[in-house]
């Protein structure tokens, strides 16, 4: 007999048939209490501390209550395995309704039952024990190619070829491991190793972007960029004759999307792709690029009055800045016209800042009889990201990325956005959902200086005569090559690398402490630049 593994309560009305199973479970180290009476089983559950319950789900109690329901009222968390005959079709609904953890059908082998119990009771322990080795083996294979690419980063004379594919794969892999590590209770050392791996990856990624970005804009093996998102993801759905809802969740990262995604599985068939945000990864550049299909320099040349207003406003007031993106509806209309698309009814655009806006849009979506294209911008995540650095209670509520992910998951589950997407699924509306940029958790302050006034962002600056250490940021002295305006006026840009944030030297210590550990955007990092773009096809359309 093996060492003790736990106490099992088995409630079933075919005791004579269960003895071989009980003997095998006892050999495997389980203590089994066996009864054919539902009420006696409940009494045993109240008298002893059991690790799991095996039961026939169709046994009634003397009071007529369903047994599984009664057990859940007595102990909401005990693992329950339903053991039932294959011809009994009623096992599925109580398992779903009352959250049974497993369903096994008779006849089955004692070994199968023991294996199911072992997995159910020991999966967390097994996961904690085996994850470190799995992590080491996985990352040894995963990082061989990207690290080699980083060591042989392209020069300005040698354009990069297809390395952007590898960086997407690397970042997705990093994020998937982050979510796995979130589930572990005793993995602080492993999480620290993963954080180091991610920092090293971000350092190599910043070098790669510094060498690759201008080649992309010259048309050399470019990934999908912000300017391509609408054309590549939204317009094909419109041309297929579908009603389309285009949703941009401002400042949503890939890891945050992956916490939301499973809630949409019952509603949609999901096709997921990725794209790169333009630099700077700031709202007024990245989101305008999505709606216009134009780089900032092209936007200035086509709409000089619009961009002149936005530039004045952005130089005076820090982000988030509503007015710098107030032309998004017009920019979207212009892009549709450039591609020869005339929609009836006319495209609809709405931006949600608060509860009143959410209520208004829900009413519109419910009442609207026909939709061609409905564009929707959700500002909640961006406002939360910025507010966190200013409000102490939010810092305590969101101490790290794992907590941020959990909060976003809880927010979405109860949000009007989730209700909007359910309405879209019910009405057969295809949803294209993406983000304009992500954010990065800032850990290192970098000194910056200029004889002139610079813009207020912590992860990027624009102005004249910008000075900082080259390892902390990518200095852009030739904006035209980066699709940015201002070269004729002598304007420069700088985008922070890795986890740096810019602080002026005269107030360095004060602002270093104030913004340490804050989430910011505008710079160059995997989190800010590599973003999900998903197409959600309603399952109702295929029924």
Protein backbone atom coordinates (compact mmCIF):
# COMPACT_ATOMS: atom_id res chain seq x y z
CA UNK A 1 0.00 0.00 0.00
CA UNK A 2 1.24 3.45 -0.90
CA UNK A 3 1.53 6.44 1.45
CA UNK A 4 -1.66 8.21 2.53
CA UNK A 5 -3.01 10.56 -0.15
CA UNK A 6 -6.40 11.68 1.20
CA UNK A 7 -9.88 10.80 2.42
CA UNK A 8 -12.64 10.06 -0.08
CA UNK A 9 -16.39 9.92 0.50
CA UNK A 10 -18.24 7.70 -2.02
CA UNK A 11 -22.04 7.88 -2.15
CA UNK A 12 -23.60 5.35 -4.54
CA UNK A 13 -26.44 2.80 -4.56
CA UNK A 14 -24.45 -0.04 -6.19
CA UNK A 15 -22.05 -0.78 -3.31
CA UNK A 16 -21.58 -4.43 -4.32
CA UNK A 17 -20.14 -3.37 -7.67
CA UNK A 18 -17.76 -0.83 -6.12
CA UNK A 19 -15.58 -3.09 -3.98
CA UNK A 20 -12.86 -3.66 -6.66
CA UNK A 21 -12.64 0.12 -7.10
CA UNK A 22 -12.47 0.74 -3.35
CA UNK A 23 -9.71 -1.86 -2.88
CA UNK A 24 -7.65 -0.26 -5.67
CA UNK A 25 -8.12 3.23 -4.26
CA UNK A 26 -7.04 1.99 -0.82
CA UNK A 27 -3.96 0.41 -2.41
CA UNK A 28 -3.20 3.78 -3.99
CA UNK A 29 -3.26 5.39 -0.54
CA UNK A 30 -6.82 6.72 -0.24
CA UNK A 31 -9.10 6.17 2.75
CA UNK A 32 -12.60 5.51 1.38
CA UNK A 33 -15.86 5.95 3.27
CA UNK A 34 -18.65 4.16 1.37
CA UNK A 35 -22.42 4.56 1.73
CA UNK A 36 -25.50 3.90 -0.41
CA UNK A 37 -27.62 6.42 1.46
CA UNK A 38 -27.59 10.05 0.40
CA UNK A 39 -28.58 11.46 3.79
CA UNK A 40 -25.99 9.31 5.58
CA UNK A 41 -23.41 10.57 3.10
CA UNK A 42 -24.26 14.17 3.95
CA UNK A 43 -23.95 13.37 7.67
CA UNK A 44 -20.51 11.83 7.06
CA UNK A 45 -19.48 14.94 5.13
CA UNK A 46 -20.39 17.09 8.12
CA UNK A 47 -18.57 14.82 10.61
CA UNK A 48 -15.28 14.32 8.73
CA UNK A 49 -12.96 16.42 6.60
CA UNK A 50 -12.85 14.77 3.18
CA UNK A 51 -10.59 15.63 0.28
CA UNK A 52 -13.10 14.66 -2.44
CA UNK A 53 -16.56 13.19 -2.99
CA UNK A 54 -17.50 10.47 -5.51
CA UNK A 55 -21.23 10.17 -6.04
CA UNK A 56 -24.05 8.90 -8.15
CA UNK A 57 -25.71 12.19 -9.18
CA UNK A 58 -29.19 10.69 -9.43
CA UNK A 59 -29.51 9.68 -5.76
CA UNK A 60 -32.19 11.80 -4.02
CA UNK A 61 -32.09 12.78 -0.38
CA UNK A 62 -34.99 11.94 1.89
CA UNK A 63 -36.08 15.57 1.67
CA UNK A 64 -36.23 15.31 -2.10
CA UNK A 65 -33.26 17.64 -2.63
CA UNK A 66 -30.77 16.89 -5.37
CA UNK A 67 -27.69 15.36 -3.75
CA UNK A 68 -25.09 17.34 -5.67
CA UNK A 69 -26.88 20.59 -4.89
CA UNK A 70 -27.08 19.67 -1.20
CA UNK A 71 -23.36 18.85 -1.01
CA UNK A 72 -22.45 22.15 -2.64
CA UNK A 73 -24.49 24.02 -0.03
CA UNK A 74 -22.61 22.22 2.76
CA UNK A 75 -19.14 22.59 1.16
CA UNK A 76 -18.81 24.95 -1.81
CA UNK A 77 -15.20 24.01 -2.59
CA UNK A 78 -14.79 20.25 -2.12
CA UNK A 79 -13.87 18.45 -5.38
CA UNK A 80 -16.76 16.33 -6.67
CA UNK A 81 -16.56 13.50 -9.22
CA UNK A 82 -19.81 12.21 -10.69
CA UNK A 83 -19.73 8.44 -11.35
CA UNK A 84 -22.68 7.42 -13.51
CA UNK A 85 -23.82 4.93 -16.14
CA UNK A 86 -23.19 5.93 -19.75
CA UNK A 87 -26.86 5.63 -20.69
CA UNK A 88 -27.81 8.16 -18.00
CA UNK A 89 -28.03 11.43 -19.89
CA UNK A 90 -28.91 13.46 -16.83
CA UNK A 91 -25.35 13.73 -15.48
CA UNK A 92 -24.41 16.66 -17.68
CA UNK A 93 -26.77 19.32 -16.40
CA UNK A 94 -26.05 18.97 -12.66
CA UNK A 95 -22.31 18.91 -13.43
CA UNK A 96 -22.67 22.19 -15.28
CA UNK A 97 -25.18 23.78 -12.91
CA UNK A 98 -23.42 22.97 -9.65
CA UNK A 99 -19.82 22.85 -10.92
CA UNK A 100 -18.87 19.22 -10.47
CA UNK A 101 -15.16 18.88 -11.20
CA UNK A 102 -15.24 15.65 -13.19
CA UNK A 103 -17.68 13.15 -14.73
CA UNK A 104 -16.74 9.44 -15.10
CA UNK A 105 -18.89 6.81 -16.77
CA UNK A 106 -19.27 3.19 -15.71
CA UNK A 107 -17.99 0.68 -16.58
CA UNK A 108 -14.47 2.04 -16.21
CA UNK A 109 -11.26 0.65 -14.76
CA UNK A 110 -10.19 1.26 -11.15
CA UNK A 111 -6.95 2.70 -12.55
CA UNK A 112 -8.90 5.29 -14.52
CA UNK A 113 -10.76 6.35 -11.40
CA UNK A 114 -7.57 6.57 -9.35
CA UNK A 115 -5.86 8.61 -12.07
CA UNK A 116 -8.79 11.05 -12.20
CA UNK A 117 -8.70 11.48 -8.43
CA UNK A 118 -4.94 11.95 -8.35
CA UNK A 119 -5.09 14.62 -11.03
CA UNK A 120 -8.00 16.37 -9.35
CA UNK A 121 -6.42 16.44 -5.89
CA UNK A 122 -2.76 16.84 -6.74
CA UNK A 123 -2.71 18.90 -9.93
CA UNK A 124 -1.65 22.08 -8.11
CA UNK A 125 1.18 20.26 -6.34
CA UNK A 126 2.25 18.59 -9.58
CA UNK A 127 2.13 21.91 -11.40
CA UNK A 128 4.28 23.59 -8.75
CA UNK A 129 6.77 20.69 -8.84
CA UNK A 130 7.12 20.26 -12.60
CA UNK A 131 6.77 23.82 -13.91
CA UNK A 132 10.38 24.93 -13.23
CA UNK A 133 11.87 22.14 -15.34
CA UNK A 134 9.26 22.64 -18.05
CA UNK A 135 10.07 26.36 -18.04
CA UNK A 136 13.82 25.74 -18.36
CA UNK A 137 13.39 23.26 -21.21
CA UNK A 138 10.91 25.45 -23.05
CA UNK A 139 12.89 28.67 -22.89
CA UNK A 140 16.13 27.00 -23.89
CA UNK A 141 14.48 26.11 -27.20
CA UNK A 142 12.36 29.23 -27.59
CA UNK A 143 15.13 31.80 -27.16
CA UNK A 144 17.83 30.20 -29.28
CA UNK A 145 16.65 31.89 -32.49
CA UNK A 146 15.69 35.35 -31.13
CA UNK A 147 18.93 35.68 -29.16
CA UNK A 148 20.90 34.73 -32.25
CA UNK A 149 18.95 37.36 -34.19
CA UNK A 150 19.67 39.95 -31.52
CA UNK A 151 23.39 39.19 -31.60
CA UNK A 152 23.34 39.63 -35.36
CA UNK A 153 21.11 42.70 -35.42
CA UNK A 154 20.88 44.32 -38.88
CA UNK A 155 22.89 47.42 -39.61
CA UNK A 156 21.54 50.45 -41.41
CA UNK A 157 23.06 49.01 -44.62
CA UNK A 158 21.46 45.57 -44.10
CA UNK A 159 17.65 45.55 -43.81
CA UNK A 160 16.12 42.97 -41.45
CA UNK A 161 14.28 40.03 -42.96
CA UNK A 162 11.28 38.45 -41.24
CA UNK A 163 12.67 38.89 -37.74
CA UNK A 164 9.47 40.68 -36.77
CA UNK A 165 7.70 37.30 -37.01
CA UNK A 166 10.12 35.85 -34.47
CA UNK A 167 9.62 38.76 -32.09
CA UNK A 168 5.85 38.29 -32.14
CA UNK A 169 6.35 34.58 -31.36
CA UNK A 170 8.78 35.46 -28.57
CA UNK A 171 6.44 37.97 -26.96
CA UNK A 172 3.40 35.69 -27.19
CA UNK A 173 5.48 32.96 -25.58
CA UNK A 174 6.57 35.28 -22.77
CA UNK A 175 3.00 36.32 -22.08
CA UNK A 176 1.66 32.77 -22.12
CA UNK A 177 4.25 31.82 -19.50
CA UNK A 178 3.32 34.87 -17.42
CA UNK A 179 -0.27 33.66 -17.28
CA UNK A 180 0.86 30.16 -16.31
CA UNK A 181 3.07 31.54 -13.54
CA UNK A 182 0.17 33.66 -12.24
CA UNK A 183 -1.54 30.42 -11.22
CA UNK A 184 1.39 29.24 -9.07
CA UNK A 185 1.48 30.01 -5.35
CA UNK A 186 5.10 29.20 -4.51
CA UNK A 187 7.06 30.32 -7.54
CA UNK A 188 8.62 33.64 -6.55
CA UNK A 189 12.07 32.56 -7.73
CA UNK A 190 10.73 31.31 -11.05
CA UNK A 191 8.74 34.51 -11.54
CA UNK A 192 11.90 36.54 -10.85
CA UNK A 193 13.78 34.51 -13.48
CA UNK A 194 10.96 35.10 -15.96
CA UNK A 195 11.02 38.85 -15.24
CA UNK A 196 14.74 38.86 -15.98
CA UNK A 197 14.18 36.94 -19.23
CA UNK A 198 11.57 39.50 -20.22
CA UNK A 199 13.88 42.45 -19.45
CA UNK A 200 16.62 40.88 -21.55
CA UNK A 201 14.16 40.28 -24.38
CA UNK A 202 13.01 43.91 -24.21
CA UNK A 203 16.58 45.17 -24.36
CA UNK A 204 17.24 43.11 -27.50
CA UNK A 205 13.88 44.15 -28.94
CA UNK A 206 14.70 47.86 -28.50
CA UNK A 207 17.97 47.35 -30.42
CA UNK A 208 16.05 45.50 -33.13
CA UNK A 209 13.44 48.28 -33.50
CA UNK A 210 16.16 50.93 -33.62
CA UNK A 211 17.70 49.15 -36.60
CA UNK A 212 14.55 47.86 -38.31
CA UNK A 213 11.92 50.58 -38.05
CA UNK A 214 13.03 52.87 -40.87
CA UNK A 215 13.40 49.85 -43.16
CA UNK A 216 9.78 48.95 -42.47
CA UNK A 217 8.65 52.43 -43.45
CA UNK A 218 10.68 52.12 -46.64
CA UNK A 219 8.60 49.05 -47.48
CA UNK A 220 11.21 46.39 -46.75
CA UNK A 221 9.49 43.31 -45.27
CA UNK A 222 7.27 45.36 -43.02
CA UNK A 223 4.88 43.83 -40.50
CA UNK A 224 1.33 45.08 -40.16
CA UNK A 225 1.60 48.52 -38.55
CA UNK A 226 -1.00 50.85 -37.03
CA UNK A 227 -1.61 52.43 -40.45
CA UNK A 228 -2.51 49.02 -41.92
CA UNK A 229 -4.97 47.77 -39.29
CA UNK A 230 -8.16 49.28 -40.71
CA UNK A 231 -7.33 48.34 -44.29
CA UNK A 232 -6.23 44.77 -43.52
CA UNK A 233 -8.71 43.82 -40.79
CA UNK A 234 -11.83 46.00 -41.04
CA UNK A 235 -12.31 46.70 -44.74
CA UNK A 236 -12.26 43.01 -45.81
CA UNK A 237 -15.14 42.30 -43.40
CA UNK A 238 -17.08 45.27 -44.81
CA UNK A 239 -16.42 44.15 -48.39
CA UNK A 240 -17.75 40.70 -47.49
CA UNK A 241 -21.10 42.38 -46.83
CA UNK A 242 -21.09 41.94 -43.06
CA UNK A 243 -22.24 44.45 -40.47
CA UNK A 244 -19.07 45.35 -38.54
CA UNK A 245 -18.31 46.73 -35.12
CA UNK A 246 -14.74 48.05 -34.85
CA UNK A 247 -13.64 48.27 -31.21
CA UNK A 248 -10.41 49.88 -29.98
CA UNK A 249 -9.67 49.38 -26.29
CA UNK A 250 -7.20 52.17 -25.59
CA UNK A 251 -3.97 50.99 -23.93
CA UNK A 252 -4.88 47.28 -23.82
CA UNK A 253 -1.91 44.91 -23.72
CA UNK A 254 -1.76 41.38 -25.09
CA UNK A 255 -1.66 39.79 -21.62
CA UNK A 256 -4.81 41.71 -20.65
CA UNK A 257 -6.61 40.58 -23.80
CA UNK A 258 -5.76 36.93 -23.05
CA UNK A 259 -7.55 37.25 -19.70
CA UNK A 260 -10.65 38.58 -21.50
CA UNK A 261 -10.67 36.24 -24.49
CA UNK A 262 -12.01 33.05 -22.82
CA UNK A 263 -15.23 34.85 -21.83
CA UNK A 264 -16.00 35.33 -25.53
CA UNK A 265 -15.52 31.69 -26.60
CA UNK A 266 -19.23 30.81 -26.18
CA UNK A 267 -20.26 33.77 -28.36
CA UNK A 268 -17.74 33.98 -31.20
CA UNK A 269 -15.39 32.11 -33.47
CA UNK A 270 -12.14 34.00 -32.79
CA UNK A 271 -9.37 34.64 -35.33
CA UNK A 272 -6.36 36.26 -33.71
CA UNK A 273 -3.54 38.17 -35.35
CA UNK A 274 -0.91 40.68 -34.19
CA UNK A 275 0.43 44.01 -35.37
CA UNK A 276 3.08 46.58 -34.39
CA UNK A 277 2.19 50.04 -33.12
CA UNK A 278 3.97 52.92 -34.77
CA UNK A 279 6.52 54.95 -32.79
CA UNK A 280 5.86 56.91 -30.60
CA UNK A 281 3.36 54.53 -29.01
CA UNK A 282 1.24 57.44 -27.78
CA UNK A 283 -2.50 57.73 -28.31
CA UNK A 284 -2.46 60.82 -30.50
CA UNK A 285 -0.01 59.17 -32.92
CA UNK A 286 -1.00 55.50 -32.79
CA UNK A 287 -4.79 55.82 -32.79
CA UNK A 288 -4.87 58.59 -35.39
CA UNK A 289 -2.73 56.29 -37.56
CA UNK A 290 -5.31 53.50 -37.21
CA UNK A 291 -8.31 55.65 -38.14
CA UNK A 292 -6.55 57.60 -40.90
CA UNK A 293 -4.35 54.87 -42.37
CA UNK A 294 -1.61 57.50 -42.47
CA UNK A 295 1.67 58.06 -40.68
CA UNK A 296 1.85 61.29 -38.64
CA UNK A 297 3.88 63.06 -41.35
CA UNK A 298 1.32 62.14 -44.01
CA UNK A 299 -1.45 63.28 -41.69
CA UNK A 300 0.19 66.71 -41.29
CA UNK A 301 0.64 67.05 -45.04
CA UNK A 302 -2.97 66.12 -45.84
CA UNK A 303 -4.66 67.87 -42.89
CA UNK A 304 -2.33 70.67 -41.71
CA UNK A 305 -4.99 72.60 -39.80
CA UNK A 306 -6.10 69.53 -37.88
CA UNK A 307 -2.56 68.58 -36.89
CA UNK A 308 -1.56 72.12 -36.02
CA UNK A 309 -4.37 72.24 -33.44
CA UNK A 310 -3.44 68.86 -32.03
CA UNK A 311 0.23 69.76 -31.77
CA UNK A 312 -0.49 72.95 -29.80
CA UNK A 313 -2.77 71.10 -27.39
CA UNK A 314 -0.37 68.21 -26.84
CA UNK A 315 2.56 70.48 -26.08
CA UNK A 316 0.65 72.22 -23.34
CA UNK A 317 -1.16 69.38 -21.59
CA UNK A 318 0.05 65.88 -20.67
CA UNK A 319 -1.72 62.75 -21.85
CA UNK A 320 -4.38 61.48 -21.74
CA UNK A 321 -5.59 64.18 -24.13
CA UNK A 322 -9.07 63.91 -25.57
CA UNK A 323 -8.94 66.75 -28.10
CA UNK A 324 -5.86 65.52 -29.98
CA UNK A 325 -7.94 62.57 -31.20
CA UNK A 326 -11.22 64.40 -31.74
CA UNK A 327 -11.02 64.02 -35.56
CA UNK A 328 -11.10 60.22 -35.58
CA UNK A 329 -14.57 59.97 -37.12
CA UNK A 330 -13.58 62.25 -39.99
CA UNK A 331 -10.28 60.42 -40.48
CA UNK A 332 -12.12 57.09 -40.70
CA UNK A 333 -14.56 58.53 -43.25
CA UNK A 334 -11.68 59.86 -45.36
CA UNK A 335 -9.95 56.48 -45.28
CA UNK A 336 -13.11 54.70 -46.43
CA UNK A 337 -13.45 57.20 -49.30
CA UNK A 338 -9.82 56.64 -50.36
CA UNK A 339 -10.62 52.95 -50.72
CA UNK A 340 -13.80 53.66 -52.65
CA UNK A 341 -16.18 52.44 -49.94
CA UNK A 342 -19.56 54.12 -49.55
CA UNK A 343 -21.67 52.68 -46.72
CA UNK A 344 -25.38 52.84 -46.06
CA UNK A 345 -26.36 53.52 -43.39
CA UNK A 346 -23.46 55.88 -42.76
CA UNK A 347 -20.63 54.69 -40.49
CA UNK A 348 -21.16 55.40 -36.81
CA UNK A 349 -18.41 56.49 -34.40
CA UNK A 350 -18.57 56.73 -30.61
CA UNK A 351 -16.04 57.17 -27.81
CA UNK A 352 -16.85 56.04 -24.27
CA UNK A 353 -15.35 57.90 -21.31
CA UNK A 354 -17.84 57.26 -18.52
CA UNK A 355 -20.98 55.46 -17.35
CA UNK A 356 -23.26 57.93 -19.11
CA UNK A 357 -21.53 57.23 -22.42
CA UNK A 358 -21.78 53.48 -21.85
CA UNK A 359 -25.51 53.74 -21.22
CA UNK A 360 -26.03 55.94 -24.27
CA UNK A 361 -24.17 53.55 -26.57
CA UNK A 362 -25.99 50.49 -25.23
CA UNK A 363 -29.29 52.20 -25.98
CA UNK A 364 -28.14 53.10 -29.49
CA UNK A 365 -26.88 49.59 -30.21
CA UNK A 366 -30.10 48.03 -28.95
CA UNK A 367 -32.39 50.32 -30.93
CA UNK A 368 -30.40 50.57 -34.19
CA UNK A 369 -32.13 48.41 -36.82
CA UNK A 370 -29.27 48.29 -39.34
CA UNK A 371 -25.50 48.77 -38.95
CA UNK A 372 -22.88 49.01 -41.67
CA UNK A 373 -19.85 50.03 -39.59
CA UNK A 374 -19.88 51.06 -35.93
CA UNK A 375 -16.52 52.23 -34.57
CA UNK A 376 -16.16 52.30 -30.79
CA UNK A 377 -13.28 53.58 -28.64
CA UNK A 378 -13.13 52.46 -24.99
CA UNK A 379 -10.95 54.74 -22.84
CA UNK A 380 -11.30 52.91 -19.50
CA UNK A 381 -7.95 51.07 -19.51
CA UNK A 382 -5.98 54.14 -20.56
CA UNK A 383 -7.61 56.29 -17.87
CA UNK A 384 -7.00 53.58 -15.27
CA UNK A 385 -3.36 53.27 -16.35
CA UNK A 386 -2.73 57.01 -15.96
CA UNK A 387 -4.77 57.40 -12.78
CA UNK A 388 -2.94 54.56 -11.03
CA UNK A 389 0.26 56.60 -10.78
CA UNK A 390 -1.63 59.43 -9.06
CA UNK A 391 -3.94 57.56 -6.66
CA UNK A 392 -2.39 55.59 -3.82
CA UNK A 393 -5.36 53.27 -3.36
CA UNK A 394 -5.04 52.19 -7.01
CA UNK A 395 -1.35 51.50 -6.52
CA UNK A 396 -2.28 49.19 -3.67
CA UNK A 397 -5.07 47.57 -5.69
CA UNK A 398 -2.77 47.09 -8.71
CA UNK A 399 0.72 46.47 -7.29
CA UNK A 400 1.99 44.59 -10.36
CA UNK A 401 1.09 43.23 -13.79
CA UNK A 402 -0.57 40.08 -12.45
CA UNK A 403 -2.93 42.19 -10.34
CA UNK A 404 -3.61 44.43 -13.35
CA UNK A 405 -4.57 41.38 -15.40
CA UNK A 406 -6.96 40.15 -12.72
CA UNK A 407 -8.56 43.58 -12.40
CA UNK A 408 -9.08 43.88 -16.16
CA UNK A 409 -10.65 40.43 -16.22
CA UNK A 410 -13.06 41.38 -13.41
CA UNK A 411 -13.85 44.73 -15.05
CA UNK A 412 -14.65 43.17 -18.41
CA UNK A 413 -16.85 40.46 -16.94
CA UNK A 414 -19.17 43.11 -15.46
CA UNK A 415 -18.68 45.85 -18.05
CA UNK A 416 -21.13 47.34 -20.55
CA UNK A 417 -18.56 46.42 -23.21
CA UNK A 418 -19.21 42.74 -22.51
CA UNK A 419 -22.94 43.37 -22.86
CA UNK A 420 -22.32 45.23 -26.14
CA UNK A 421 -20.36 42.27 -27.49
CA UNK A 422 -23.12 39.87 -26.45
CA UNK A 423 -25.63 42.04 -28.32
CA UNK A 424 -23.33 42.01 -31.36
CA UNK A 425 -23.11 38.21 -31.21
CA UNK A 426 -26.91 37.87 -30.94
CA UNK A 427 -27.45 40.21 -33.91
CA UNK A 428 -24.83 38.56 -36.12
CA UNK A 429 -22.47 41.57 -36.14
CA UNK A 430 -18.82 40.80 -36.84
CA UNK A 431 -16.49 42.46 -34.34
CA UNK A 432 -12.93 43.54 -35.09
CA UNK A 433 -11.27 44.29 -31.74
CA UNK A 434 -7.82 45.69 -31.11
CA UNK A 435 -5.74 48.17 -29.10
CA UNK A 436 -3.88 51.29 -30.21
CA UNK A 437 -0.86 50.71 -27.94
CA UNK A 438 0.08 48.96 -24.72
CA UNK A 439 1.93 50.15 -21.63
CA UNK A 440 5.05 49.17 -19.72
CA UNK A 441 5.79 49.16 -16.00
CA UNK A 442 8.52 51.77 -15.52
CA UNK A 443 11.42 50.74 -13.28
CA UNK A 444 14.33 53.03 -14.21
CA UNK A 445 14.39 56.84 -14.33
CA UNK A 446 16.54 58.41 -17.03
CA UNK A 447 17.78 62.01 -16.99
CA UNK A 448 16.75 64.16 -19.93
CA UNK A 449 17.49 67.78 -20.75
CA UNK A 450 16.86 70.43 -23.38
CA UNK A 451 17.26 74.17 -23.76
CA UNK A 452 13.70 74.23 -25.11
CA UNK A 453 10.31 73.14 -23.82
CA UNK A 454 9.50 69.49 -24.49
CA UNK A 455 6.21 67.62 -24.49
CA UNK A 456 5.03 66.13 -21.23
CA UNK A 457 5.03 62.34 -21.82
CA UNK A 458 7.23 60.18 -19.60
CA UNK A 459 8.04 57.55 -22.27
CA UNK A 460 8.58 59.90 -25.21
CA UNK A 461 9.46 63.54 -25.79
CA UNK A 462 9.41 65.82 -28.79
CA UNK A 463 11.13 69.17 -29.14
CA UNK A 464 14.54 70.61 -29.93
CA UNK A 465 18.03 69.75 -28.70
CA UNK A 466 17.07 66.71 -26.61
CA UNK A 467 19.87 65.14 -24.59
CA UNK A 468 19.87 61.80 -22.75
CA UNK A 469 21.99 58.68 -22.40
CA UNK A 470 21.76 56.63 -25.65
CA UNK A 471 21.04 53.38 -23.79
CA UNK A 472 17.84 54.86 -22.30
CA UNK A 473 16.08 55.99 -25.47
CA UNK A 474 16.00 56.03 -29.26
CA UNK A 475 16.78 59.60 -30.36
CA UNK A 476 15.16 60.52 -33.69
CA UNK A 477 16.99 63.41 -35.35
CA UNK A 478 15.56 62.70 -38.81
CA UNK A 479 11.79 62.55 -38.20
CA UNK A 480 10.90 62.21 -41.88
CA UNK A 481 12.51 58.75 -42.04
CA UNK A 482 10.23 57.70 -39.17
CA UNK A 483 7.08 59.11 -40.73
CA UNK A 484 7.03 61.97 -38.20
CA UNK A 485 6.60 65.71 -38.84
CA UNK A 486 8.79 68.61 -37.78
CA UNK A 487 12.14 68.00 -39.46
CA UNK A 488 12.08 71.40 -41.19
CA UNK A 489 11.62 73.09 -37.80
CA UNK A 490 14.50 71.15 -36.27
CA UNK A 491 12.22 69.04 -34.10
CA UNK A 492 13.62 65.85 -32.58
CA UNK A 493 11.88 62.93 -30.89
CA UNK A 494 13.03 60.44 -28.30
CA UNK A 495 11.28 57.18 -27.36
CA UNK A 496 12.25 55.40 -24.13
CA UNK A 497 13.64 51.89 -24.36
CA UNK A 498 12.97 48.93 -22.09
CA UNK A 499 11.59 50.11 -18.69
CA UNK A 500 13.02 53.65 -18.64
CA UNK A 501 11.05 56.84 -18.08
CA UNK A 502 12.31 60.38 -18.64
CA UNK A 503 12.77 62.88 -15.79
CA UNK A 504 14.27 66.37 -15.93
CA UNK A 505 17.49 66.75 -13.94
CA UNK A 506 16.44 69.72 -11.72
CA UNK A 507 13.57 67.70 -10.19
CA UNK A 508 15.02 64.26 -10.77
CA UNK A 509 14.65 62.76 -7.29
CA UNK A 510 11.07 63.95 -6.74
CA UNK A 511 9.76 62.73 -10.08
CA UNK A 512 11.82 59.57 -9.98
CA UNK A 513 9.99 58.51 -6.81
CA UNK A 514 6.63 59.76 -8.02
CA UNK A 515 6.58 57.74 -11.25
CA UNK A 516 8.62 54.70 -10.25
CA UNK A 517 6.61 51.54 -10.87
CA UNK A 518 3.96 53.42 -12.87
CA UNK A 519 2.53 52.13 -16.15
CA UNK A 520 3.35 54.44 -19.07
CA UNK A 521 3.38 54.34 -22.86
CA UNK A 522 4.95 56.15 -25.78
CA UNK A 523 8.23 54.24 -25.95
CA UNK A 524 9.69 51.05 -27.36
CA UNK A 525 8.89 47.76 -25.66
CA UNK A 526 7.24 44.47 -26.47
CA UNK A 527 4.30 45.43 -24.24
CA UNK A 528 3.71 48.78 -25.99
CA UNK A 529 4.31 47.74 -29.59
CA UNK A 530 3.08 44.16 -30.22
CA UNK A 531 -0.70 44.16 -30.02
CA UNK A 532 -3.57 41.74 -30.68
CA UNK A 533 -6.04 42.31 -33.48
CA UNK A 534 -8.89 39.80 -33.40
CA UNK A 535 -11.88 39.12 -35.61
CA UNK A 536 -14.92 37.84 -33.70
CA UNK A 537 -17.42 35.99 -35.88
CA UNK A 538 -20.79 35.43 -34.13
CA UNK A 539 -21.62 31.77 -33.67
CA UNK A 540 -25.30 32.62 -34.18
CA UNK A 541 -24.54 33.18 -37.87
CA UNK A 542 -23.51 29.54 -38.26
CA UNK A 543 -26.45 27.93 -36.47
